[in-house]
C-alpha atoms as a PDB file:
ATOM      1  CA  MET A   1       0.059   0.238   0.047  1.00  0.00           C
ATOM      2  CA  THR A   2       1.672   3.638  -0.925  1.00  0.00           C
ATOM      3  CA  HIS A   3       0.840   6.555   1.221  1.00  0.00           C
ATOM      4  CA  THR A   4       0.854   9.889  -0.175  1.00  0.00           C
ATOM      5  CA  PRO A   5       2.748  12.094   1.609  1.00  0.00           C
ATOM      6  CA  PRO A   6       0.580  15.250   3.317  1.00  0.00           C
ATOM      7  CA  THR A   7       0.808  18.830   0.977  1.00  0.00           C
ATOM      8  CA  LEU A   8       2.707  21.401   2.730  1.00  0.00           C
ATOM      9  CA  PRO A   9       1.203  24.268   3.085  1.00  0.00           C
ATOM     10  CA  PRO A  10       3.313  27.279   0.791  1.00  0.00           C
ATOM     11  CA  LEU A  11       5.904  29.837   1.598  1.00  0.00           C
ATOM     12  CA  TYR A  12       4.096  33.240   0.520  1.00  0.00           C
ATOM     13  CA  ILE A  13       7.128  35.668  -0.015  1.00  0.00           C
ATOM     14  CA  GLY A  14       6.014  39.405  -0.510  1.00  0.00           C
ATOM     15  CA  VAL A  15       6.695  42.922  -0.704  1.00  0.00           C
ATOM     16  CA  SER A  16       5.653  46.520  -0.222  1.00  0.00           C
ATOM     17  CA  THR A  17       7.330  49.010  -1.673  1.00  0.00           C
ATOM     18  CA  LYS A  18       5.286  51.591   0.764  1.00  0.00           C
ATOM     19  CA  MET A  19       6.183  55.430  -0.534  1.00  0.00           C
ATOM     20  CA  TYR A  20      10.043  54.780  -1.534  1.00  0.00           C
ATOM     21  CA  LEU A  21       9.652  54.545  -5.554  1.00  0.00           C
ATOM     22  CA  GLY A  22       8.144  56.833  -7.579  1.00  0.00           C
ATOM     23  CA  PHE A  23       6.115  56.334 -10.546  1.00  0.00           C
ATOM     24  CA  GLN A  24       8.341  55.554 -13.368  1.00  0.00           C
ATOM     25  CA  ALA A  25      10.757  54.001 -10.413  1.00  0.00           C
ATOM     26  CA  SER A  26       8.047  51.513  -9.378  1.00  0.00           C
ATOM     27  CA  LEU A  27       7.397  50.197 -13.444  1.00  0.00           C
ATOM     28  CA  ARG A  28      11.686  49.481 -13.697  1.00  0.00           C
ATOM     29  CA  TRP A  29      11.217  48.008 -10.883  1.00  0.00           C
ATOM     30  CA  LEU A  30       8.294  45.265 -11.798  1.00  0.00           C
ATOM     31  CA  GLU A  31      10.225  45.028 -14.739  1.00  0.00           C
ATOM     32  CA  GLN A  32      12.934  43.648 -12.961  1.00  0.00           C
ATOM     33  CA  VAL A  33      10.545  41.485 -10.394  1.00  0.00           C
ATOM     34  CA  ARG A  34       8.764  40.080 -13.567  1.00  0.00           C
ATOM     35  CA  ALA A  35      12.237  38.608 -14.908  1.00  0.00           C
ATOM     36  CA  GLU A  36      13.080  37.586 -11.390  1.00  0.00           C
ATOM     37  CA  LEU A  37      10.092  35.598 -11.351  1.00  0.00           C
ATOM     38  CA  ASP A  38       9.848  34.281 -15.057  1.00  0.00           C
ATOM     39  CA  ALA A  39      13.688  33.244 -14.226  1.00  0.00           C
ATOM     40  CA  ARG A  40      12.685  30.572 -11.924  1.00  0.00           C
ATOM     41  CA  PRO A  41      10.330  28.417 -13.828  1.00  0.00           C
ATOM     42  CA  ALA A  42       9.837  26.080 -10.306  1.00  0.00           C
ATOM     43  CA  LEU A  43       7.385  28.775  -8.788  1.00  0.00           C
ATOM     44  CA  ALA A  44       4.835  27.392 -11.570  1.00  0.00           C
ATOM     45  CA  ALA A  45       3.975  24.570  -9.164  1.00  0.00           C
ATOM     46  CA  GLY A  46       2.422  26.747  -6.773  1.00  0.00           C
ATOM     47  CA  ARG A  47       4.667  25.459  -3.517  1.00  0.00           C
ATOM     48  CA  VAL A  48       6.345  29.219  -3.092  1.00  0.00           C
ATOM     49  CA  VAL A  49       3.946  32.471  -3.546  1.00  0.00           C
ATOM     50  CA  PRO A  50       5.300  35.613  -4.292  1.00  0.00           C
ATOM     51  CA  PHE A  51       3.013  38.749  -3.554  1.00  0.00           C
ATOM     52  CA  VAL A  52       3.773  42.089  -4.891  1.00  0.00           C
ATOM     53  CA  ILE A  53       2.166  45.465  -3.103  1.00  0.00           C
ATOM     54  CA  PRO A  54       3.033  48.937  -5.114  1.00  0.00           C
ATOM     55  CA  SER A  55       1.962  52.363  -4.661  1.00  0.00           C
ATOM     56  CA  PHE A  56      -2.133  52.424  -5.275  1.00  0.00           C
ATOM     57  CA  PRO A  57      -1.551  54.399  -8.658  1.00  0.00           C
ATOM     58  CA  VAL A  58       1.170  51.735  -9.756  1.00  0.00           C
ATOM     59  CA  LEU A  59      -1.797  49.003  -9.785  1.00  0.00           C
ATOM     60  CA  PRO A  60      -3.470  49.238 -13.686  1.00  0.00           C
ATOM     61  CA  SER A  61      -0.019  49.265 -14.661  1.00  0.00           C
ATOM     62  CA  ALA A  62       1.470  46.529 -12.378  1.00  0.00           C
ATOM     63  CA  ALA A  63      -1.684  43.908 -13.207  1.00  0.00           C
ATOM     64  CA  GLY A  64       0.004  44.264 -16.673  1.00  0.00           C
ATOM     65  CA  ILE A  65       3.068  43.906 -15.909  1.00  0.00           C
ATOM     66  CA  LEU A  66       2.336  40.704 -13.855  1.00  0.00           C
ATOM     67  CA  ALA A  67      -0.005  39.160 -15.865  1.00  0.00           C
ATOM     68  CA  GLY A  68       0.826  35.539 -16.581  1.00  0.00           C
ATOM     69  CA  SER A  69       3.160  35.065 -13.995  1.00  0.00           C
ATOM     70  CA  PRO A  70       2.956  33.402 -10.354  1.00  0.00           C
ATOM     71  CA  ALA A  71       2.798  36.776  -8.392  1.00  0.00           C
ATOM     72  CA  ILE A  72      -0.162  38.190  -7.168  1.00  0.00           C
ATOM     73  CA  LEU A  73      -1.150  41.476  -6.774  1.00  0.00           C
ATOM     74  CA  GLY A  74      -1.426  43.439  -3.671  1.00  0.00           C
ATOM     75  CA  ALA A  75      -2.916  46.814  -2.534  1.00  0.00           C
ATOM     76  CA  GLN A  76      -1.443  48.195   0.611  1.00  0.00           C
ATOM     77  CA  ASN A  77      -4.461  49.456   2.086  1.00  0.00           C
ATOM     78  CA  CYS A  78      -8.148  49.701   1.367  1.00  0.00           C
ATOM     79  CA  SER A  79     -11.174  51.594   2.662  1.00  0.00           C
ATOM     80  CA  PRO A  80     -12.850  50.165   5.685  1.00  0.00           C
ATOM     81  CA  ALA A  81     -16.462  50.990   4.268  1.00  0.00           C
ATOM     82  CA  ASP A  82     -18.488  51.613   0.928  1.00  0.00           C
ATOM     83  CA  GLY A  83     -19.980  55.210  -0.052  1.00  0.00           C
ATOM     84  CA  PRO A  84     -18.680  58.461  -0.194  1.00  0.00           C
ATOM     85  CA  TRP A  85     -15.384  58.379   1.491  1.00  0.00           C
ATOM     86  CA  THR A  86     -13.069  61.043  -0.152  1.00  0.00           C
ATOM     87  CA  GLY A  87      -9.750  59.811  -0.804  1.00  0.00           C
ATOM     88  CA  GLU A  88     -10.347  56.536  -0.247  1.00  0.00           C
ATOM     89  CA  VAL A  89     -10.172  53.070  -2.244  1.00  0.00           C
ATOM     90  CA  SER A  90     -12.633  50.563  -1.789  1.00  0.00           C
ATOM     91  CA  ALA A  91     -12.044  46.681  -1.748  1.00  0.00           C
ATOM     92  CA  ALA A  92     -14.426  46.215  -4.685  1.00  0.00           C
ATOM     93  CA  MET A  93     -12.425  48.549  -7.251  1.00  0.00           C
ATOM     94  CA  LEU A  94      -9.392  46.889  -5.637  1.00  0.00           C
ATOM     95  CA  ALA A  95     -10.812  43.367  -6.813  1.00  0.00           C
ATOM     96  CA  GLU A  96     -11.630  44.734 -10.002  1.00  0.00           C
ATOM     97  CA  LEU A  97      -8.343  45.712 -11.018  1.00  0.00           C
ATOM     98  CA  GLY A  98      -6.865  42.465 -10.245  1.00  0.00           C
ATOM     99  CA  VAL A  99      -5.859  42.963  -6.342  1.00  0.00           C
ATOM    100  CA  GLY A 100      -5.675  39.608  -4.553  1.00  0.00           C
ATOM    101  CA  ILE A 101      -3.954  40.889  -1.470  1.00  0.00           C
ATOM    102  CA  VAL A 102      -4.843  43.853   0.765  1.00  0.00           C
ATOM    103  CA  GLU A 103      -2.277  45.004   3.512  1.00  0.00           C
ATOM    104  CA  ILE A 104      -4.549  45.890   7.023  1.00  0.00           C
ATOM    105  CA  GLY A 105      -3.615  47.248   9.983  1.00  0.00           C
ATOM    106  CA  HIS A 106      -0.132  48.060   9.650  1.00  0.00           C
ATOM    107  CA  ALA A 107       1.733  49.477  12.375  1.00  0.00           C
ATOM    108  CA  GLU A 108       2.814  52.500  10.417  1.00  0.00           C
ATOM    109  CA  ARG A 109      -1.452  53.195  10.153  1.00  0.00           C
ATOM    110  CA  ARG A 110      -2.157  52.028  13.722  1.00  0.00           C
ATOM    111  CA  ARG A 111       0.427  54.948  14.476  1.00  0.00           C
ATOM    112  CA  HIS A 112      -0.259  57.717  12.206  1.00  0.00           C
ATOM    113  CA  PHE A 113      -3.640  57.143  10.867  1.00  0.00           C
ATOM    114  CA  GLY A 114      -5.090  55.821  14.580  1.00  0.00           C
ATOM    115  CA  GLU A 115      -6.029  52.778  13.166  1.00  0.00           C
ATOM    116  CA  ASN A 116      -7.389  50.934  16.157  1.00  0.00           C
ATOM    117  CA  ASP A 117      -9.010  47.126  16.489  1.00  0.00           C
ATOM    118  CA  GLY A 118     -12.341  48.471  14.887  1.00  0.00           C
ATOM    119  CA  VAL A 119     -11.105  49.998  11.674  1.00  0.00           C
ATOM    120  CA  VAL A 120      -9.154  47.037  11.205  1.00  0.00           C
ATOM    121  CA  ALA A 121     -12.122  44.544  11.604  1.00  0.00           C
ATOM    122  CA  ALA A 122     -13.874  46.466   9.250  1.00  0.00           C
ATOM    123  CA  LYS A 123     -11.281  46.465   6.636  1.00  0.00           C
ATOM    124  CA  VAL A 124     -11.055  42.624   6.977  1.00  0.00           C
ATOM    125  CA  ARG A 125     -14.842  42.118   6.368  1.00  0.00           C
ATOM    126  CA  GLN A 126     -14.585  44.977   3.421  1.00  0.00           C
ATOM    127  CA  ALA A 127     -11.980  42.614   1.643  1.00  0.00           C
ATOM    128  CA  ARG A 128     -13.386  39.497   2.512  1.00  0.00           C
ATOM    129  CA  ALA A 129     -16.893  40.798   0.967  1.00  0.00           C
ATOM    130  CA  ALA A 130     -14.725  41.812  -2.203  1.00  0.00           C
ATOM    131  CA  GLY A 131     -13.006  38.250  -2.674  1.00  0.00           C
ATOM    132  CA  ILE A 132      -9.510  39.583  -1.660  1.00  0.00           C
ATOM    133  CA  ALA A 133      -7.381  37.979   1.333  1.00  0.00           C
ATOM    134  CA  PRO A 134      -6.226  40.197   4.172  1.00  0.00           C
ATOM    135  CA  LEU A 135      -2.830  40.319   4.879  1.00  0.00           C
ATOM    136  CA  VAL A 136      -3.499  41.167   8.660  1.00  0.00           C
ATOM    137  CA  CYS A 137      -0.002  43.103   9.916  1.00  0.00           C
ATOM    138  CA  VAL A 138       0.506  42.442  13.997  1.00  0.00           C
ATOM    139  CA  GLY A 139       2.826  42.937  16.110  1.00  0.00           C
ATOM    140  CA  GLU A 140       4.225  44.133  19.910  1.00  0.00           C
ATOM    141  CA  GLU A 141       5.167  47.347  20.361  1.00  0.00           C
ATOM    142  CA  ARG A 142       8.448  46.135  22.844  1.00  0.00           C
ATOM    143  CA  ARG A 143      10.281  43.599  22.943  1.00  0.00           C
ATOM    144  CA  GLY A 144      10.096  41.384  25.564  1.00  0.00           C
ATOM    145  CA  THR A 145       9.264  37.137  25.870  1.00  0.00           C
ATOM    146  CA  PRO A 146       7.589  35.339  23.181  1.00  0.00           C
ATOM    147  CA  GLU A 147       4.901  34.458  25.352  1.00  0.00           C
ATOM    148  CA  ASP A 148       3.865  37.965  26.011  1.00  0.00           C
ATOM    149  CA  ALA A 149       4.916  38.586  21.873  1.00  0.00           C
ATOM    150  CA  ALA A 150       2.271  36.243  21.372  1.00  0.00           C
ATOM    151  CA  GLY A 151      -0.437  36.862  23.896  1.00  0.00           C
ATOM    152  CA  PHE A 152      -0.739  40.489  22.250  1.00  0.00           C
ATOM    153  CA  VAL A 153      -0.548  38.742  18.825  1.00  0.00           C
ATOM    154  CA  VAL A 154      -3.228  36.775  19.578  1.00  0.00           C
ATOM    155  CA  GLY A 155      -5.259  39.803  20.804  1.00  0.00           C
ATOM    156  CA  GLN A 156      -5.114  41.449  18.104  1.00  0.00           C
ATOM    157  CA  LEU A 157      -5.886  38.475  15.576  1.00  0.00           C
ATOM    158  CA  GLU A 158      -9.177  38.215  17.964  1.00  0.00           C
ATOM    159  CA  ALA A 159     -10.335  41.716  17.325  1.00  0.00           C
ATOM    160  CA  ALA A 160      -9.032  41.658  13.153  1.00  0.00           C
ATOM    161  CA  PHE A 161     -11.474  38.431  12.677  1.00  0.00           C
ATOM    162  CA  SER A 162     -14.548  40.159  15.190  1.00  0.00           C
ATOM    163  CA  GLY A 163     -13.790  37.348  17.925  1.00  0.00           C
ATOM    164  CA  SER A 164     -14.232  34.759  14.956  1.00  0.00           C
ATOM    165  CA  TRP A 165     -11.857  32.403  13.950  1.00  0.00           C
ATOM    166  CA  ASP A 166     -14.264  30.651  11.386  1.00  0.00           C
ATOM    167  CA  ASP A 167     -12.748  33.099   8.107  1.00  0.00           C
ATOM    168  CA  ALA A 168      -9.056  32.886   9.564  1.00  0.00           C
ATOM    169  CA  GLY A 169      -7.869  30.570   7.050  1.00  0.00           C
ATOM    170  CA  SER A 170      -8.499  32.872   3.942  1.00  0.00           C
ATOM    171  CA  ALA A 171      -6.274  35.294   5.899  1.00  0.00           C
ATOM    172  CA  ILE A 172      -2.222  36.056   5.862  1.00  0.00           C
ATOM    173  CA  VAL A 173      -0.863  37.111   8.899  1.00  0.00           C
ATOM    174  CA  ALA A 174       2.262  39.184   8.840  1.00  0.00           C
ATOM    175  CA  TYR A 175       4.086  39.006  12.422  1.00  0.00           C
ATOM    176  CA  GLU A 176       6.159  42.519  12.302  1.00  0.00           C
ATOM    177  CA  PRO A 177       7.268  43.327  15.555  1.00  0.00           C
ATOM    178  CA  VAL A 178       6.969  47.225  15.740  1.00  0.00           C
ATOM    179  CA  TRP A 179      10.156  47.522  17.261  1.00  0.00           C
ATOM    180  CA  ALA A 180      12.475  45.450  13.936  1.00  0.00           C
ATOM    181  CA  ILE A 181      10.424  47.843  11.486  1.00  0.00           C
ATOM    182  CA  GLY A 182      13.027  49.716   9.847  1.00  0.00           C
ATOM    183  CA  ALA A 183      16.058  48.648  12.111  1.00  0.00           C
ATOM    184  CA  ALA A 184      19.461  47.875  10.857  1.00  0.00           C
ATOM    185  CA  GLU A 185      18.432  44.196  11.567  1.00  0.00           C
ATOM    186  CA  PRO A 186      15.527  41.712  11.631  1.00  0.00           C
ATOM    187  CA  ALA A 187      14.546  39.930  14.996  1.00  0.00           C
ATOM    188  CA  ASP A 188      16.247  37.121  15.619  1.00  0.00           C
ATOM    189  CA  ALA A 189      15.477  33.544  14.227  1.00  0.00           C
ATOM    190  CA  GLY A 190      14.705  32.008  17.621  1.00  0.00           C
ATOM    191  CA  TYR A 191      12.483  34.558  18.468  1.00  0.00           C
ATOM    192  CA  VAL A 192      10.660  34.818  15.701  1.00  0.00           C
ATOM    193  CA  SER A 193       9.568  31.283  15.752  1.00  0.00           C
ATOM    194  CA  ALA A 194       9.052  31.212  19.412  1.00  0.00           C
ATOM    195  CA  VAL A 195       6.515  33.892  19.127  1.00  0.00           C
ATOM    196  CA  VAL A 196       5.041  32.144  16.126  1.00  0.00           C
ATOM    197  CA  ARG A 197       4.768  28.522  17.353  1.00  0.00           C
ATOM    198  CA  GLY A 198       2.791  30.792  20.317  1.00  0.00           C
ATOM    199  CA  ILE A 199       0.417  32.317  17.587  1.00  0.00           C
ATOM    200  CA  ARG A 200      -0.751  29.121  16.441  1.00  0.00           C
ATOM    201  CA  ARG A 201      -1.268  27.583  19.511  1.00  0.00           C
ATOM    202  CA  ARG A 202      -3.206  29.881  21.189  1.00  0.00           C
ATOM    203  CA  PRO A 203      -6.471  29.196  18.115  1.00  0.00           C
ATOM    204  CA  GLU A 204      -5.932  25.934  17.764  1.00  0.00           C
ATOM    205  CA  PRO A 205      -9.038  25.005  19.607  1.00  0.00           C
ATOM    206  CA  HIS A 206     -10.913  26.964  16.926  1.00  0.00           C
ATOM    207  CA  GLY A 207      -9.339  25.395  14.311  1.00  0.00           C
ATOM    208  CA  ALA A 208      -6.859  27.919  13.042  1.00  0.00           C
ATOM    209  CA  GLY A 209      -3.777  25.895  13.908  1.00  0.00           C
ATOM    210  CA  GLU A 210      -2.746  26.201  10.614  1.00  0.00           C
ATOM    211  CA  LEU A 211      -2.821  29.610  10.066  1.00  0.00           C
ATOM    212  CA  ALA A 212      -0.304  31.373   7.244  1.00  0.00           C
ATOM    213  CA  ILE A 213       1.728  33.438   9.121  1.00  0.00           C
ATOM    214  CA  ILE A 214       5.054  35.437   7.654  1.00  0.00           C
ATOM    215  CA  TYR A 215       7.867  37.764   9.085  1.00  0.00           C
ATOM    216  CA  GLY A 216       8.424  40.607   8.552  1.00  0.00           C
ATOM    217  CA  GLY A 217      10.377  43.509   9.546  1.00  0.00           C
ATOM    218  CA  SER A 218      13.684  44.573   8.276  1.00  0.00           C
ATOM    219  CA  ALA A 219      13.381  40.999   6.854  1.00  0.00           C
ATOM    220  CA  LYS A 220      15.598  40.098   4.025  1.00  0.00           C
ATOM    221  CA  PRO A 221      17.969  37.343   2.399  1.00  0.00           C
ATOM    222  CA  GLY A 222      19.444  34.449   4.747  1.00  0.00           C
ATOM    223  CA  LEU A 223      16.939  35.033   7.072  1.00  0.00           C
ATOM    224  CA  LEU A 224      14.561  32.605   5.950  1.00  0.00           C
ATOM    225  CA  PRO A 225      16.642  29.477   6.427  1.00  0.00           C
ATOM    226  CA  GLN A 226      16.779  29.929   9.843  1.00  0.00           C
ATOM    227  CA  LEU A 227      12.948  30.350  10.644  1.00  0.00           C
ATOM    228  CA  ASN A 228      11.290  27.307  12.136  1.00  0.00           C
ATOM    229  CA  GLY A 229       7.475  26.990  11.428  1.00  0.00           C
ATOM    230  CA  VAL A 230       7.045  30.390   9.852  1.00  0.00           C
ATOM    231  CA  SER A 231       5.135  30.666   6.203  1.00  0.00           C
ATOM    232  CA  GLY A 232       7.458  33.021   4.638  1.00  0.00           C
ATOM    233  CA  LEU A 233       8.564  36.707   4.384  1.00  0.00           C
ATOM    234  CA  PHE A 234       6.709  40.243   4.121  1.00  0.00           C
ATOM    235  CA  LEU A 235      10.326  42.493   2.647  1.00  0.00           C
ATOM    236  CA  GLY A 236      10.856  45.791   2.607  1.00  0.00           C
ATOM    237  CA  ARG A 237      13.325  48.035   1.423  1.00  0.00           C
ATOM    238  CA  PHE A 238      15.668  45.149   1.082  1.00  0.00           C
ATOM    239  CA  ALA A 239      13.192  43.467  -2.375  1.00  0.00           C
ATOM    240  CA  HIS A 240      13.468  47.357  -3.704  1.00  0.00           C
ATOM    241  CA  ASP A 241      16.299  45.918  -5.187  1.00  0.00           C
ATOM    242  CA  ALA A 242      14.527  42.921  -7.410  1.00  0.00           C
ATOM    243  CA  ALA A 243      17.772  40.862  -7.071  1.00  0.00           C
ATOM    244  CA  ASN A 244      17.077  40.442  -3.162  1.00  0.00           C
ATOM    245  CA  PHE A 245      13.613  39.203  -3.846  1.00  0.00           C
ATOM    246  CA  GLY A 246      14.714  36.648  -6.355  1.00  0.00           C
ATOM    247  CA  ARG A 247      17.506  35.462  -3.747  1.00  0.00           C
ATOM    248  CA  VAL A 248      14.665  35.574  -1.040  1.00  0.00           C
ATOM    249  CA  MET A 249      12.550  33.454  -3.541  1.00  0.00           C
ATOM    250  CA  ASP A 250      15.407  31.077  -4.344  1.00  0.00           C
ATOM    251  CA  GLU A 251      15.544  30.748  -0.544  1.00  0.00           C
ATOM    252  CA  ALA A 252      11.665  29.708  -0.509  1.00  0.00           C
ATOM    253  CA  LEU A 253      12.208  27.050  -3.543  1.00  0.00           C
ATOM    254  CA  GLU A 254      15.342  25.109  -1.122  1.00  0.00           C
ATOM    255  CA  ALA A 255      13.367  25.028   1.828  1.00  0.00           C
ATOM    256  CA  VAL A 256      10.010  23.046  -0.009  1.00  0.00           C
ATOM    257  CA  GLN A 257      11.984  21.049  -1.689  1.00  0.00           C
ATOM    258  CA  PRO A 258      11.342  17.390  -1.312  1.00  0.00           C
ATOM    259  CA  ALA A 259      13.977  15.655   1.480  1.00  0.00           C
END
């Protein structure tokens, strides 16, 4: 009798450009990213899932550049509601543009735009209603113990999912300790792995123990192979060099190779 090995969940490797790149620079960078994707036909197997999150004005052009590639197009934000919200962008419009992931609750938006748990939960609901995967950003303000960090993050997730873990499987969690965002180095791999284990243990009774949890916070090449039980990386400025994005994809592809 033969046994089929269990299917391992994919690794997600994503990058946001924030506001670092202008319009033309974004297009050049996206063309370079597309070349990195095309140079890795193994991505077609779907065991490593790349995603790219440029600025809002770039999204239509980005959709064209990435068309036919394995990359998912993402957006950096969405409105918490439909209707007459001047200056906001609805999740429904993002879906029309081909967006498959939307970043919600980043520490910068919580801190500088006053986005509280209620706003984050409303955005998660809007994303789901539009058929877009919420990329829910969570993380503690100051470094403490992994147990304390996991407890804090689980509280953030409870709020983001409005107290129900039933649909958590459609989300991706970006664990980004606030103290590591923009730092010279990421949080150390042992700490990150311990926090992610703690996060997974907390919601297991709710059936969400297999959440996709990726790490962000000065993430760069060389970190992924050191992590244990983490679902990928959310890259920042280090991946604004498309070659670095390619290097991390190579590390991810190596990690998913059969033993």
